[in-house]
C-alpha atoms as a PDB file:
ATOM      1  CA  MET A   1      57.584-102.892-216.280  1.00  0.00           C
ATOM      2  CA  ALA A   2      54.323-104.247-214.093  1.00  0.00           C
ATOM      3  CA  ILE A   3      53.737-101.971-210.892  1.00  0.00           C
ATOM      4  CA  THR A   4      51.012-102.684-208.448  1.00  0.00           C
ATOM      5  CA  PHE A   5      49.761-100.464-205.712  1.00  0.00           C
ATOM      6  CA  ILE A   6      48.570-102.195-202.509  1.00  0.00           C
ATOM      7  CA  GLN A   7      46.706-100.734-199.393  1.00  0.00           C
ATOM      8  CA  SER A   8      44.900-102.167-196.395  1.00  0.00           C
ATOM      9  CA  ALA A   9      42.737-101.332-193.243  1.00  0.00           C
ATOM     10  CA  ASP A  10      40.604-102.463-190.617  1.00  0.00           C
ATOM     11  CA  ALA A  11      37.035-101.912-191.599  1.00  0.00           C
ATOM     12  CA  PHE A  12      36.678 -99.546-188.182  1.00  0.00           C
ATOM     13  CA  ASN A  13      39.496 -97.544-187.439  1.00  0.00           C
ATOM     14  CA  TYR A  14      41.825 -97.274-190.466  1.00  0.00           C
ATOM     15  CA  LYS A  15      39.092 -97.467-193.199  1.00  0.00           C
ATOM     16  CA  PRO A  16      38.141 -93.446-192.710  1.00  0.00           C
ATOM     17  CA  MET A  17      41.980 -92.925-193.492  1.00  0.00           C
ATOM     18  CA  LEU A  18      42.485 -95.359-196.194  1.00  0.00           C
ATOM     19  CA  ASP A  19      39.102 -93.867-198.101  1.00  0.00           C
ATOM     20  CA  THR A  20      40.826 -90.565-198.253  1.00  0.00           C
ATOM     21  CA  THR A  21      44.488 -91.258-199.284  1.00  0.00           C
ATOM     22  CA  SER A  22      43.632 -94.002-201.731  1.00  0.00           C
ATOM     23  CA  LYS A  23      42.057 -91.370-203.837  1.00  0.00           C
ATOM     24  CA  THR A  24      45.500 -89.887-204.442  1.00  0.00           C
ATOM     25  CA  VAL A  25      47.087 -93.654-205.182  1.00  0.00           C
ATOM     26  CA  ILE A  26      44.456 -94.348-207.555  1.00  0.00           C
ATOM     27  CA  GLU A  27      44.484 -91.182-209.477  1.00  0.00           C
ATOM     28  CA  PHE A  28      48.575 -92.002-209.385  1.00  0.00           C
ATOM     29  CA  CYS A  29      47.785 -95.233-211.133  1.00  0.00           C
ATOM     30  CA  ARG A  30      45.304 -94.069-213.537  1.00  0.00           C
ATOM     31  CA  ARG A  31      47.921 -91.450-214.681  1.00  0.00           C
ATOM     32  CA  HIS A  32      50.414 -93.605-215.407  1.00  0.00           C
ATOM     33  CA  GLY A  33      48.404 -97.061-216.056  1.00  0.00           C
ATOM     34  CA  HIS A  34      49.742 -98.837-212.611  1.00  0.00           C
ATOM     35  CA  LYS A  35      47.515-101.264-211.254  1.00  0.00           C
ATOM     36  CA  TYR A  36      45.879-100.722-207.631  1.00  0.00           C
ATOM     37  CA  GLU A  37      44.693-103.133-205.058  1.00  0.00           C
ATOM     38  CA  ASN A  38      42.978-102.396-201.175  1.00  0.00           C
ATOM     39  CA  TYR A  39      41.724-104.807-198.823  1.00  0.00           C
ATOM     40  CA  VAL A  40      39.138-103.821-195.586  1.00  0.00           C
ATOM     41  CA  GLY A  41      39.291-106.208-192.874  1.00  0.00           C
ATOM     42  CA  VAL A  42      41.178-108.621-191.004  1.00  0.00           C
ATOM     43  CA  LYS A  43      42.380-111.310-193.098  1.00  0.00           C
ATOM     44  CA  ARG A  44      44.114-113.376-190.027  1.00  0.00           C
ATOM     45  CA  GLY A  45      43.603-112.005-186.407  1.00  0.00           C
ATOM     46  CA  PHE A  46      40.958-110.812-183.742  1.00  0.00           C
ATOM     47  CA  TYR A  47      41.186-107.548-183.313  1.00  0.00           C
ATOM     48  CA  PRO A  48      41.246-104.328-185.489  1.00  0.00           C
ATOM     49  CA  TRP A  49      44.963-103.717-185.570  1.00  0.00           C
ATOM     50  CA  GLN A  50      46.125-107.081-186.596  1.00  0.00           C
ATOM     51  CA  ALA A  51      44.833-105.880-190.336  1.00  0.00           C
ATOM     52  CA  SER A  52      48.716-104.603-190.160  1.00  0.00           C
ATOM     53  CA  PHE A  53      49.502-107.615-191.494  1.00  0.00           C
ATOM     54  CA  ASN A  54      46.906-107.700-194.453  1.00  0.00           C
ATOM     55  CA  ARG A  55      49.965-106.569-196.404  1.00  0.00           C
ATOM     56  CA  LEU A  56      52.130-109.955-195.843  1.00  0.00           C
ATOM     57  CA  PHE A  57      48.747-112.043-197.251  1.00  0.00           C
ATOM     58  CA  MET A  58      48.459-109.512-200.038  1.00  0.00           C
ATOM     59  CA  LEU A  59      52.013-109.917-201.186  1.00  0.00           C
ATOM     60  CA  LYS A  60      52.075-113.477-200.678  1.00  0.00           C
ATOM     61  CA  ASP A  61      48.804-113.831-203.021  1.00  0.00           C
ATOM     62  CA  LEU A  62      50.493-111.716-205.660  1.00  0.00           C
ATOM     63  CA  LEU A  63      53.553-114.072-205.255  1.00  0.00           C
ATOM     64  CA  ASP A  64      51.628-116.988-205.577  1.00  0.00           C
ATOM     65  CA  ALA A  65      49.536-115.957-208.864  1.00  0.00           C
ATOM     66  CA  GLY A  66      52.908-116.014-210.241  1.00  0.00           C
ATOM     67  CA  TYR A  67      53.100-111.754-210.352  1.00  0.00           C
ATOM     68  CA  CYS A  68      56.830-110.830-211.028  1.00  0.00           C
ATOM     69  CA  GLY A  69      56.774-107.146-211.166  1.00  0.00           C
ATOM     70  CA  TRP A  70      56.917-104.581-208.473  1.00  0.00           C
ATOM     71  CA  VAL A  71      54.523-103.667-205.486  1.00  0.00           C
ATOM     72  CA  VAL A  72      54.628-100.738-203.661  1.00  0.00           C
ATOM     73  CA  HIS A  73      53.199-101.398-200.373  1.00  0.00           C
ATOM     74  CA  MET A  74      51.564 -98.315-198.478  1.00  0.00           C
ATOM     75  CA  ASP A  75      49.924 -97.578-195.346  1.00  0.00           C
ATOM     76  CA  ALA A  76      46.613 -96.115-194.809  1.00  0.00           C
ATOM     77  CA  ASP A  77      47.896 -93.130-193.749  1.00  0.00           C
ATOM     78  CA  ALA A  78      50.717 -92.833-196.474  1.00  0.00           C
ATOM     79  CA  PHE A  79      49.460 -90.461-199.952  1.00  0.00           C
ATOM     80  CA  VAL A  80      51.015 -89.698-203.290  1.00  0.00           C
ATOM     81  CA  HIS A  81      52.225 -86.339-202.754  1.00  0.00           C
ATOM     82  CA  ASP A  82      53.530 -85.898-206.547  1.00  0.00           C
ATOM     83  CA  LEU A  83      50.935 -87.158-208.882  1.00  0.00           C
ATOM     84  CA  ASP A  84      53.433 -86.594-211.926  1.00  0.00           C
ATOM     85  CA  PHE A  85      56.385 -88.652-210.465  1.00  0.00           C
ATOM     86  CA  ASP A  86      57.770 -90.509-213.041  1.00  0.00           C
ATOM     87  CA  LEU A  87      58.022 -94.088-211.124  1.00  0.00           C
ATOM     88  CA  ALA A  88      58.715 -96.267-213.949  1.00  0.00           C
ATOM     89  CA  ALA A  89      61.857 -94.270-214.932  1.00  0.00           C
ATOM     90  CA  TYR A  90      63.078 -94.406-210.733  1.00  0.00           C
ATOM     91  CA  LEU A  91      62.816 -98.010-210.650  1.00  0.00           C
ATOM     92  CA  ALA A  92      64.280 -98.688-214.389  1.00  0.00           C
ATOM     93  CA  SER A  93      67.980 -98.829-212.505  1.00  0.00           C
ATOM     94  CA  LYS A  94      67.061-101.401-209.996  1.00  0.00           C
ATOM     95  CA  GLY A  95      65.828-104.129-211.408  1.00  0.00           C
ATOM     96  CA  ASP A  96      68.775-105.821-209.538  1.00  0.00           C
ATOM     97  CA  VAL A  97      67.649-105.116-206.104  1.00  0.00           C
ATOM     98  CA  ALA A  98      65.170-106.934-204.011  1.00  0.00           C
ATOM     99  CA  GLY A  99      63.177-104.131-203.024  1.00  0.00           C
ATOM    100  CA  ILE A 100      63.471-100.739-201.490  1.00  0.00           C
ATOM    101  CA  LEU A 101      63.118 -99.528-198.105  1.00  0.00           C
ATOM    102  CA  THR A 102      63.765 -96.318-195.969  1.00  0.00           C
ATOM    103  CA  PRO A 103      65.332 -96.205-192.530  1.00  0.00           C
ATOM    104  CA  MET A 104      63.571 -94.865-189.479  1.00  0.00           C
ATOM    105  CA  GLY A 105      66.129 -91.978-189.076  1.00  0.00           C
ATOM    106  CA  ASP A 106      69.489 -90.960-189.729  1.00  0.00           C
ATOM    107  CA  ASP A 107      70.947 -92.544-186.263  1.00  0.00           C
ATOM    108  CA  CYS A 108      70.085 -96.020-186.868  1.00  0.00           C
ATOM    109  CA  GLN A 109      71.100 -98.830-189.340  1.00  0.00           C
ATOM    110  CA  PRO A 110      69.843 -98.649-192.729  1.00  0.00           C
ATOM    111  CA  TRP A 111      67.505-101.820-192.129  1.00  0.00           C
ATOM    112  CA  GLU A 112      65.759-100.454-189.392  1.00  0.00           C
ATOM    113  CA  ILE A 113      63.235 -99.520-191.802  1.00  0.00           C
ATOM    114  CA  ASN A 114      59.989 -97.919-191.717  1.00  0.00           C
ATOM    115  CA  ASN A 115      57.491-100.129-193.651  1.00  0.00           C
ATOM    116  CA  GLY A 116      54.902 -98.194-194.048  1.00  0.00           C
ATOM    117  CA  VAL A 117      55.960 -97.604-197.426  1.00  0.00           C
ATOM    118  CA  ALA A 118      57.823-100.102-199.352  1.00  0.00           C
ATOM    119  CA  LEU A 119      58.423-101.601-202.615  1.00  0.00           C
ATOM    120  CA  PHE A 120      59.309-105.244-203.541  1.00  0.00           C
ATOM    121  CA  ASN A 121      61.019-106.752-206.994  1.00  0.00           C
ATOM    122  CA  LEU A 122      59.086-109.610-207.306  1.00  0.00           C
ATOM    123  CA  SER A 123      61.084-110.921-210.550  1.00  0.00           C
ATOM    124  CA  HIS A 124      63.816-110.914-208.335  1.00  0.00           C
ATOM    125  CA  PRO A 125      64.543-114.357-206.131  1.00  0.00           C
ATOM    126  CA  ILE A 126      65.508-112.776-203.031  1.00  0.00           C
ATOM    127  CA  GLY A 127      62.278-110.625-203.261  1.00  0.00           C
ATOM    128  CA  ARG A 128      60.119-113.447-203.432  1.00  0.00           C
ATOM    129  CA  ARG A 129      62.086-115.143-200.581  1.00  0.00           C
ATOM    130  CA  ILE A 130      61.522-112.253-198.370  1.00  0.00           C
ATOM    131  CA  ILE A 131      57.820-112.083-198.582  1.00  0.00           C
ATOM    132  CA  GLU A 132      57.811-116.216-198.025  1.00  0.00           C
ATOM    133  CA  GLU A 133      59.861-115.698-195.059  1.00  0.00           C
ATOM    134  CA  TRP A 134      58.040-112.832-193.873  1.00  0.00           C
ATOM    135  CA  HIS A 135      54.480-114.442-194.256  1.00  0.00           C
ATOM    136  CA  ALA A 136      55.571-117.519-192.509  1.00  0.00           C
ATOM    137  CA  ARG A 137      57.023-116.036-189.387  1.00  0.00           C
ATOM    138  CA  TYR A 138      53.344-114.250-189.213  1.00  0.00           C
ATOM    139  CA  MET A 139      51.817-117.858-189.721  1.00  0.00           C
ATOM    140  CA  ALA A 140      53.850-119.300-186.832  1.00  0.00           C
ATOM    141  CA  VAL A 141      52.295-117.038-184.414  1.00  0.00           C
ATOM    142  CA  SER A 142      49.473-119.056-182.888  1.00  0.00           C
ATOM    143  CA  ASP A 143      45.898-118.212-182.791  1.00  0.00           C
ATOM    144  CA  ASP A 144      45.831-118.405-178.899  1.00  0.00           C
ATOM    145  CA  THR A 145      48.602-115.487-178.621  1.00  0.00           C
ATOM    146  CA  LEU A 146      47.192-113.585-181.299  1.00  0.00           C
ATOM    147  CA  ARG A 147      44.088-114.000-179.023  1.00  0.00           C
ATOM    148  CA  GLN A 148      45.886-112.235-176.135  1.00  0.00           C
ATOM    149  CA  LEU A 149      47.343-109.228-178.157  1.00  0.00           C
ATOM    150  CA  THR A 150      44.196-107.115-177.825  1.00  0.00           C
ATOM    151  CA  GLU A 151      46.346-103.901-178.566  1.00  0.00           C
ATOM    152  CA  TRP A 152      49.468-103.300-180.645  1.00  0.00           C
ATOM    153  CA  PRO A 153      52.485-105.248-179.293  1.00  0.00           C
ATOM    154  CA  GLY A 154      56.208-104.872-178.616  1.00  0.00           C
ATOM    155  CA  ASP A 155      57.804-107.767-180.370  1.00  0.00           C
ATOM    156  CA  ILE A 156      54.695-109.149-182.535  1.00  0.00           C
ATOM    157  CA  ASN A 157      54.258-106.588-185.319  1.00  0.00           C
ATOM    158  CA  ASP A 158      55.000-106.916-189.298  1.00  0.00           C
ATOM    159  CA  GLN A 159      57.578-104.210-189.140  1.00  0.00           C
ATOM    160  CA  THR A 160      59.484-106.077-186.333  1.00  0.00           C
ATOM    161  CA  PHE A 161      59.162-109.198-188.133  1.00  0.00           C
ATOM    162  CA  LEU A 162      60.606-107.442-191.524  1.00  0.00           C
ATOM    163  CA  PHE A 163      63.831-105.895-189.419  1.00  0.00           C
ATOM    164  CA  GLU A 164      64.553-109.621-187.854  1.00  0.00           C
ATOM    165  CA  ILE A 165      64.761-110.943-191.005  1.00  0.00           C
ATOM    166  CA  LEU A 166      67.178-108.234-192.289  1.00  0.00           C
ATOM    167  CA  ASP A 167      68.937-108.424-189.028  1.00  0.00           C
ATOM    168  CA  ASP A 168      69.621-111.888-189.375  1.00  0.00           C
ATOM    169  CA  SER A 169      70.531-112.337-192.882  1.00  0.00           C
ATOM    170  CA  ALA A 170      73.358-110.099-194.656  1.00  0.00           C
ATOM    171  CA  GLU A 171      72.377-111.526-197.820  1.00  0.00           C
ATOM    172  CA  ILE A 172      68.737-110.409-197.712  1.00  0.00           C
ATOM    173  CA  ARG A 173      69.745-106.850-196.926  1.00  0.00           C
ATOM    174  CA  ASP A 174      72.532-106.523-199.160  1.00  0.00           C
ATOM    175  CA  ALA A 175      70.092-106.899-201.769  1.00  0.00           C
ATOM    176  CA  PHE A 176      67.612-104.389-200.716  1.00  0.00           C
ATOM    177  CA  PHE A 177      68.498-100.816-201.619  1.00  0.00           C
ATOM    178  CA  PHE A 178      67.874 -98.357-198.669  1.00  0.00           C
ATOM    179  CA  GLY A 179      66.306 -95.171-199.994  1.00  0.00           C
ATOM    180  CA  ASP A 180      65.883 -91.801-199.180  1.00  0.00           C
ATOM    181  CA  ARG A 181      63.086 -90.921-196.753  1.00  0.00           C
ATOM    182  CA  MET A 182      62.393 -87.642-198.178  1.00  0.00           C
ATOM    183  CA  LEU A 183      61.554 -89.343-201.539  1.00  0.00           C
ATOM    184  CA  LEU A 184      59.582 -92.129-200.196  1.00  0.00           C
ATOM    185  CA  ASN A 185      58.448 -92.277-196.681  1.00  0.00           C
ATOM    186  CA  HIS A 186      58.254 -88.866-194.624  1.00  0.00           C
ATOM    187  CA  PRO A 187      55.777 -86.257-194.009  1.00  0.00           C
ATOM    188  CA  TYR A 188      57.658 -84.006-196.230  1.00  0.00           C
ATOM    189  CA  ALA A 189      58.490 -86.474-199.059  1.00  0.00           C
ATOM    190  CA  THR A 190      58.384 -85.274-202.417  1.00  0.00           C
ATOM    191  CA  PHE A 191      56.808 -88.191-203.692  1.00  0.00           C
ATOM    192  CA  ILE A 192      55.096 -90.639-201.128  1.00  0.00           C
ATOM    193  CA  ARG A 193      54.619 -88.932-197.774  1.00  0.00           C
ATOM    194  CA  GLN A 194      53.328 -90.691-194.718  1.00  0.00           C
ATOM    195  CA  ILE A 195      51.623 -89.127-191.870  1.00  0.00           C
ATOM    196  CA  LEU A 196      53.235 -90.944-188.951  1.00  0.00           C
ATOM    197  CA  ARG A 197      51.736 -91.591-185.735  1.00  0.00           C
ATOM    198  CA  ALA A 198      54.295 -91.310-183.617  1.00  0.00           C
ATOM    199  CA  TYR A 199      54.482 -87.701-184.513  1.00  0.00           C
ATOM    200  CA  MET A 200      50.484 -87.481-184.165  1.00  0.00           C
ATOM    201  CA  PRO A 201      49.044 -89.921-181.901  1.00  0.00           C
ATOM    202  CA  ILE A 202      45.319 -88.615-181.596  1.00  0.00           C
ATOM    203  CA  GLN A 203      43.688 -90.316-184.918  1.00  0.00           C
ATOM    204  CA  ALA A 204      41.406 -87.681-185.898  1.00  0.00           C
ATOM    205  CA  ASP A 205      44.061 -84.641-186.127  1.00  0.00           C
ATOM    206  CA  ARG A 206      46.208 -86.903-188.044  1.00  0.00           C
ATOM    207  CA  HIS A 207      43.004 -87.943-190.196  1.00  0.00           C
ATOM    208  CA  GLN A 208      42.711 -83.943-190.641  1.00  0.00           C
ATOM    209  CA  VAL A 209      46.085 -83.207-191.881  1.00  0.00           C
ATOM    210  CA  VAL A 210      45.637 -86.212-194.434  1.00  0.00           C
ATOM    211  CA  ARG A 211      42.211 -84.914-195.643  1.00  0.00           C
ATOM    212  CA  MET A 212      43.733 -81.064-195.944  1.00  0.00           C
ATOM    213  CA  ALA A 213      46.861 -82.579-197.479  1.00  0.00           C
ATOM    214  CA  VAL A 214      44.304 -84.680-200.295  1.00  0.00           C
ATOM    215  CA  LYS A 215      42.337 -81.842-201.076  1.00  0.00           C
ATOM    216  CA  GLU A 216      45.398 -79.585-202.176  1.00  0.00           C
ATOM    217  CA  ILE A 217      46.569 -82.443-204.495  1.00  0.00           C
ATOM    218  CA  LEU A 218      43.093 -83.499-205.685  1.00  0.00           C
ATOM    219  CA  PRO A 219      40.784 -80.503-205.367  1.00  0.00           C
ATOM    220  CA  GLU A 220      37.202 -81.199-205.183  1.00  0.00           C
ATOM    221  CA  GLN A 221      35.373 -79.929-208.462  1.00  0.00           C
ATOM    222  CA  GLY A 222      34.958 -76.217-208.146  1.00  0.00           C
ATOM    223  CA  GLU A 223      37.061 -75.701-204.800  1.00  0.00           C
ATOM    224  CA  ASP A 224      39.821 -73.539-204.865  1.00  0.00           C
ATOM    225  CA  LEU A 225      41.716 -74.265-201.718  1.00  0.00           C
ATOM    226  CA  VAL A 226      44.699 -72.752-202.365  1.00  0.00           C
ATOM    227  CA  GLY A 227      42.991 -69.609-203.871  1.00  0.00           C
ATOM    228  CA  ARG A 228      41.034 -69.680-200.300  1.00  0.00           C
ATOM    229  CA  LEU A 229      44.197 -69.851-198.240  1.00  0.00           C
ATOM    230  CA  TYR A 230      47.090 -68.040-199.954  1.00  0.00           C
ATOM    231  CA  PRO A 231      45.537 -64.770-199.393  1.00  0.00           C
ATOM    232  CA  VAL A 232      45.372 -65.187-195.438  1.00  0.00           C
ATOM    233  CA  LEU A 233      48.898 -66.581-195.492  1.00  0.00           C
ATOM    234  CA  ILE A 234      50.503 -63.611-197.250  1.00  0.00           C
ATOM    235  CA  SER A 235      48.600 -61.132-195.075  1.00  0.00           C
ATOM    236  CA  THR A 236      50.036 -63.039-191.974  1.00  0.00           C
ATOM    237  CA  LEU A 237      53.251 -63.003-193.285  1.00  0.00           C
ATOM    238  CA  PHE A 238      52.932 -58.987-194.172  1.00  0.00           C
ATOM    239  CA  ARG A 239      51.705 -58.114-190.234  1.00  0.00           C
ATOM    240  CA  VAL A 240      54.330 -60.219-188.675  1.00  0.00           C
ATOM    241  CA  LEU A 241      57.511 -59.498-190.951  1.00  0.00           C
ATOM    242  CA  LEU A 242      56.984 -56.122-191.966  1.00  0.00           C
ATOM    243  CA  ARG A 243      54.358 -55.019-189.679  1.00  0.00           C
ATOM    244  CA  ARG A 244      51.689 -53.880-191.839  1.00  0.00           C
ATOM    245  CA  ASP A 245      48.394 -54.484-194.049  1.00  0.00           C
ATOM    246  CA  ILE A 246      49.606 -55.628-197.561  1.00  0.00           C
ATOM    247  CA  GLU A 247      47.608 -54.048-200.235  1.00  0.00           C
ATOM    248  CA  ALA A 248      44.704 -55.818-201.415  1.00  0.00           C
ATOM    249  CA  SER A 249      45.958 -55.321-204.950  1.00  0.00           C
ATOM    250  CA  ALA A 250      49.150 -56.527-204.036  1.00  0.00           C
ATOM    251  CA  VAL A 251      47.646 -59.898-202.835  1.00  0.00           C
ATOM    252  CA  GLU A 252      46.661 -60.717-206.020  1.00  0.00           C
ATOM    253  CA  ASN A 253      50.487 -60.593-207.316  1.00  0.00           C
ATOM    254  CA  PHE A 254      51.300 -64.207-205.393  1.00  0.00           C
ATOM    255  CA  ARG A 255      48.136 -66.293-206.833  1.00  0.00           C
ATOM    256  CA  SER A 256      50.071 -67.771-209.544  1.00  0.00           C
ATOM    257  CA  ARG A 257      53.281 -68.727-207.338  1.00  0.00           C
ATOM    258  CA  PHE A 258      50.905 -70.643-204.968  1.00  0.00           C
ATOM    259  CA  HIS A 259      48.715 -72.187-207.665  1.00  0.00           C
ATOM    260  CA  GLU A 260      51.481 -73.281-209.589  1.00  0.00           C
ATOM    261  CA  LYS A 261      54.263 -74.386-206.767  1.00  0.00           C
ATOM    262  CA  GLY A 262      51.569 -75.053-204.105  1.00  0.00           C
ATOM    263  CA  ILE A 263      50.979 -73.833-200.519  1.00  0.00           C
ATOM    264  CA  GLU A 264      54.151 -75.343-199.102  1.00  0.00           C
ATOM    265  CA  THR A 265      56.656 -74.429-201.566  1.00  0.00           C
ATOM    266  CA  ALA A 266      55.413 -70.666-202.480  1.00  0.00           C
ATOM    267  CA  PHE A 267      54.984 -69.771-198.584  1.00  0.00           C
ATOM    268  CA  ARG A 268      58.629 -70.781-197.934  1.00  0.00           C
ATOM    269  CA  GLU A 269      60.040 -68.756-200.950  1.00  0.00           C
ATOM    270  CA  THR A 270      57.926 -65.543-199.893  1.00  0.00           C
ATOM    271  CA  PHE A 271      58.998 -65.811-196.416  1.00  0.00           C
ATOM    272  CA  ALA A 272      62.590 -65.863-197.370  1.00  0.00           C
ATOM    273  CA  GLU A 273      61.842 -63.089-199.912  1.00  0.00           C
ATOM    274  CA  ILE A 274      60.311 -60.621-197.384  1.00  0.00           C
ATOM    275  CA  LEU A 275      63.460 -61.471-194.907  1.00  0.00           C
ATOM    276  CA  ILE A 276      65.970 -60.282-197.366  1.00  0.00           C
ATOM    277  CA  SER A 277      63.871 -57.269-198.641  1.00  0.00           C
ATOM    278  CA  ARG A 278      64.839 -53.841-198.399  1.00  0.00           C
ATOM    279  CA  GLU A 279      61.731 -52.924-196.263  1.00  0.00           C
ATOM    280  CA  TYR A 280      62.594 -55.605-193.846  1.00  0.00           C
ATOM    281  CA  LEU A 281      66.338 -55.214-193.663  1.00  0.00           C
ATOM    282  CA  GLU A 282      65.287 -51.208-192.577  1.00  0.00           C
ATOM    283  CA  LEU A 283      62.954 -52.334-190.068  1.00  0.00           C
ATOM    284  CA  ASN A 284      65.937 -54.464-188.146  1.00  0.00           C
ATOM    285  CA  PRO A 285      69.111 -52.542-189.251  1.00  0.00           C
ATOM    286  CA  PRO A 286      72.172 -54.615-189.360  1.00  0.00           C
ATOM    287  CA  LEU A 287      73.868 -56.091-186.503  1.00  0.00           C
ATOM    288  CA  PRO A 288      77.597 -57.692-185.781  1.00  0.00           C
ATOM    289  CA  LEU A 289      78.008 -61.010-187.806  1.00  0.00           C
ATOM    290  CA  ARG A 290      77.802 -63.290-184.864  1.00  0.00           C
ATOM    291  CA  ALA A 291      74.119 -61.286-183.403  1.00  0.00           C
ATOM    292  CA  VAL A 292      72.784 -61.335-186.797  1.00  0.00           C
ATOM    293  CA  ILE A 293      73.492 -65.367-186.886  1.00  0.00           C
ATOM    294  CA  GLU A 294      71.816 -65.178-183.512  1.00  0.00           C
ATOM    295  CA  GLN A 295      68.971 -62.999-184.345  1.00  0.00           C
ATOM    296  CA  GLY A 296      68.256 -65.470-187.099  1.00  0.00           C
ATOM    297  CA  TYR A 297      68.372 -68.382-185.276  1.00  0.00           C
ATOM    298  CA  ARG A 298      65.743 -66.873-182.667  1.00  0.00           C
ATOM    299  CA  TRP A 299      63.361 -65.244-185.586  1.00  0.00           C
ATOM    300  CA  VAL A 300      63.462 -68.635-187.935  1.00  0.00           C
ATOM    301  CA  LEU A 301      63.953 -71.234-185.565  1.00  0.00           C
ATOM    302  CA  GLY A 302      62.795 -69.933-182.142  1.00  0.00           C
ATOM    303  CA  ARG A 303      65.827 -70.808-180.382  1.00  0.00           C
ATOM    304  CA  SER A 304      69.197 -69.910-179.639  1.00  0.00           C
ATOM    305  CA  PRO A 305      71.972 -71.027-181.750  1.00  0.00           C
ATOM    306  CA  ASP A 306      73.971 -73.812-180.699  1.00  0.00           C
ATOM    307  CA  GLN A 307      77.700 -73.223-180.684  1.00  0.00           C
ATOM    308  CA  LYS A 308      78.779 -75.600-183.629  1.00  0.00           C
ATOM    309  CA  GLY A 309      76.279 -74.489-185.740  1.00  0.00           C
ATOM    310  CA  LEU A 310      76.898 -70.292-184.923  1.00  0.00           C
ATOM    311  CA  ASP A 311      80.626 -71.152-185.329  1.00  0.00           C
ATOM    312  CA  ALA A 312      80.185 -72.719-188.928  1.00  0.00           C
ATOM    313  CA  TYR A 313      77.716 -70.208-190.007  1.00  0.00           C
ATOM    314  CA  ALA A 314      80.316 -67.413-188.754  1.00  0.00           C
ATOM    315  CA  ALA A 315      83.079 -68.968-189.985  1.00  0.00           C
ATOM    316  CA  ALA A 316      81.294 -69.360-193.614  1.00  0.00           C
ATOM    317  CA  LEU A 317      79.876 -65.701-193.745  1.00  0.00           C
ATOM    318  CA  GLU A 318      83.349 -64.426-192.674  1.00  0.00           C
ATOM    319  CA  ASN A 319      85.351 -66.313-195.562  1.00  0.00           C
ATOM    320  CA  GLY A 320      82.551 -64.948-198.168  1.00  0.00           C
ATOM    321  CA  HIS A 321      81.180 -68.668-198.638  1.00  0.00           C
ATOM    322  CA  ILE A 322      77.623 -67.922-197.681  1.00  0.00           C
ATOM    323  CA  SER A 323      75.672 -64.589-197.651  1.00  0.00           C
ATOM    324  CA  MET A 324      72.914 -63.727-195.015  1.00  0.00           C
ATOM    325  CA  GLU A 325      70.628 -64.371-197.230  1.00  0.00           C
ATOM    326  CA  GLN A 326      71.221 -67.876-198.129  1.00  0.00           C
ATOM    327  CA  ILE A 327      71.710 -68.580-194.224  1.00  0.00           C
ATOM    328  CA  ARG A 328      68.388 -67.722-193.634  1.00  0.00           C
ATOM    329  CA  ALA A 329      66.814 -69.431-196.535  1.00  0.00           C
ATOM    330  CA  ASP A 330      69.081 -72.008-195.487  1.00  0.00           C
ATOM    331  CA  MET A 331      67.542 -71.834-191.754  1.00  0.00           C
ATOM    332  CA  ILE A 332      64.007 -71.556-193.694  1.00  0.00           C
ATOM    333  CA  GLY A 333      64.206 -74.907-195.755  1.00  0.00           C
ATOM    334  CA  SER A 334      65.178 -76.724-192.759  1.00  0.00           C
ATOM    335  CA  ALA A 335      63.270 -79.627-191.451  1.00  0.00           C
ATOM    336  CA  GLU A 336      63.259 -77.664-188.110  1.00  0.00           C
ATOM    337  CA  PHE A 337      61.831 -74.975-189.672  1.00  0.00           C
ATOM    338  CA  ALA A 338      59.111 -77.152-190.795  1.00  0.00           C
ATOM    339  CA  LYS A 339      58.549 -78.767-188.095  1.00  0.00           C
ATOM    340  CA  LEU A 340      58.117 -75.831-186.121  1.00  0.00           C
ATOM    341  CA  HIS A 341      56.216 -73.428-188.555  1.00  0.00           C
ATOM    342  CA  THR A 342      53.422 -76.500-189.793  1.00  0.00           C
ATOM    343  CA  LEU A 343      50.559 -74.464-188.535  1.00  0.00           C
ATOM    344  CA  ILE A 344      51.246 -71.788-190.510  1.00  0.00           C
ATOM    345  CA  ALA A 345      53.547 -72.992-193.686  1.00  0.00           C
ATOM    346  CA  SER A 346      51.086 -75.559-194.662  1.00  0.00           C
ATOM    347  CA  PRO A 347      48.296 -77.159-193.348  1.00  0.00           C
ATOM    348  CA  LEU A 348      49.252 -80.396-195.198  1.00  0.00           C
ATOM    349  CA  SER A 349      52.622 -80.462-193.844  1.00  0.00           C
ATOM    350  CA  THR A 350      52.346 -80.740-189.702  1.00  0.00           C
ATOM    351  CA  THR A 351      54.937 -82.873-188.776  1.00  0.00           C
ATOM    352  CA  GLN A 352      53.767 -86.697-188.115  1.00  0.00           C
ATOM    353  CA  ALA A 353      54.555 -90.204-188.130  1.00  0.00           C
ATOM    354  CA  ASN A 354      52.987 -93.727-187.719  1.00  0.00           C
END
């Protein structure tokens, strides 16, 4: 199975981001035998933002050259989080689809997509057709119009063009597989993550988050980022949750967990472990069931419970279908908790978008 990854950026605004994220993509391709291409500049247009259309030309060039494998496009602010992910195995059962796209959210049509990470199957007739139509839509925009669009516009952009093609044709959209954002296209995705501009509009902040993420995935030679950070995180947890300092000798007990599982997962596991420990429960004596759940909302999620959530948890707890420990673990594992505690929980996982 032929798989090619492509990325691009303008030479000024997004080139530094591309230099950072491409390290993970190149390493992933090296490990798994995939191909990689990138382009810096603006293939057609007059302003840096119009480099976002580069993907159309790169895809069209592959199509015209007779390439008939999979193409994975990643924006400059997307990076490979799991270098060991078996992409070939994932795609093995998807040879009959034209591509894989991910919806922008849960409350929209599946084809209202974020194309910051998008996979196209150029062996599929509709996979080839959509590339032709997507490219043609941009070529139909006149140079005079492009000269007037000095900043990112409303309707004339690559993502809107792709959505319109899918929206206009049931045949085309039915040929696509609309995948799970938590695998391919989300700040917390397990395989490919994207630090989206919508959640972090300041470019310098976003690039810093990306740099820290890539440093954990690909530590520089001689640098142990996890080793430097985990003692600080563990000490903070003990002070906040148990109101005491952790013994220096005990810090070492957490080293292997953080190195083997990574900062994000190890932090959440340790957080949950402390919350159900005897020491924590002695410091925080049991309360009536609903009061315990309300306390969990305030402590873990930093807010009062919504009535629906409170009732559901209380009913499950009273019926013995769930334990308080499982409720806390559920809250800690939620996207809401991750967004609320990103600065503590993981320097990589600050909530973001593009």
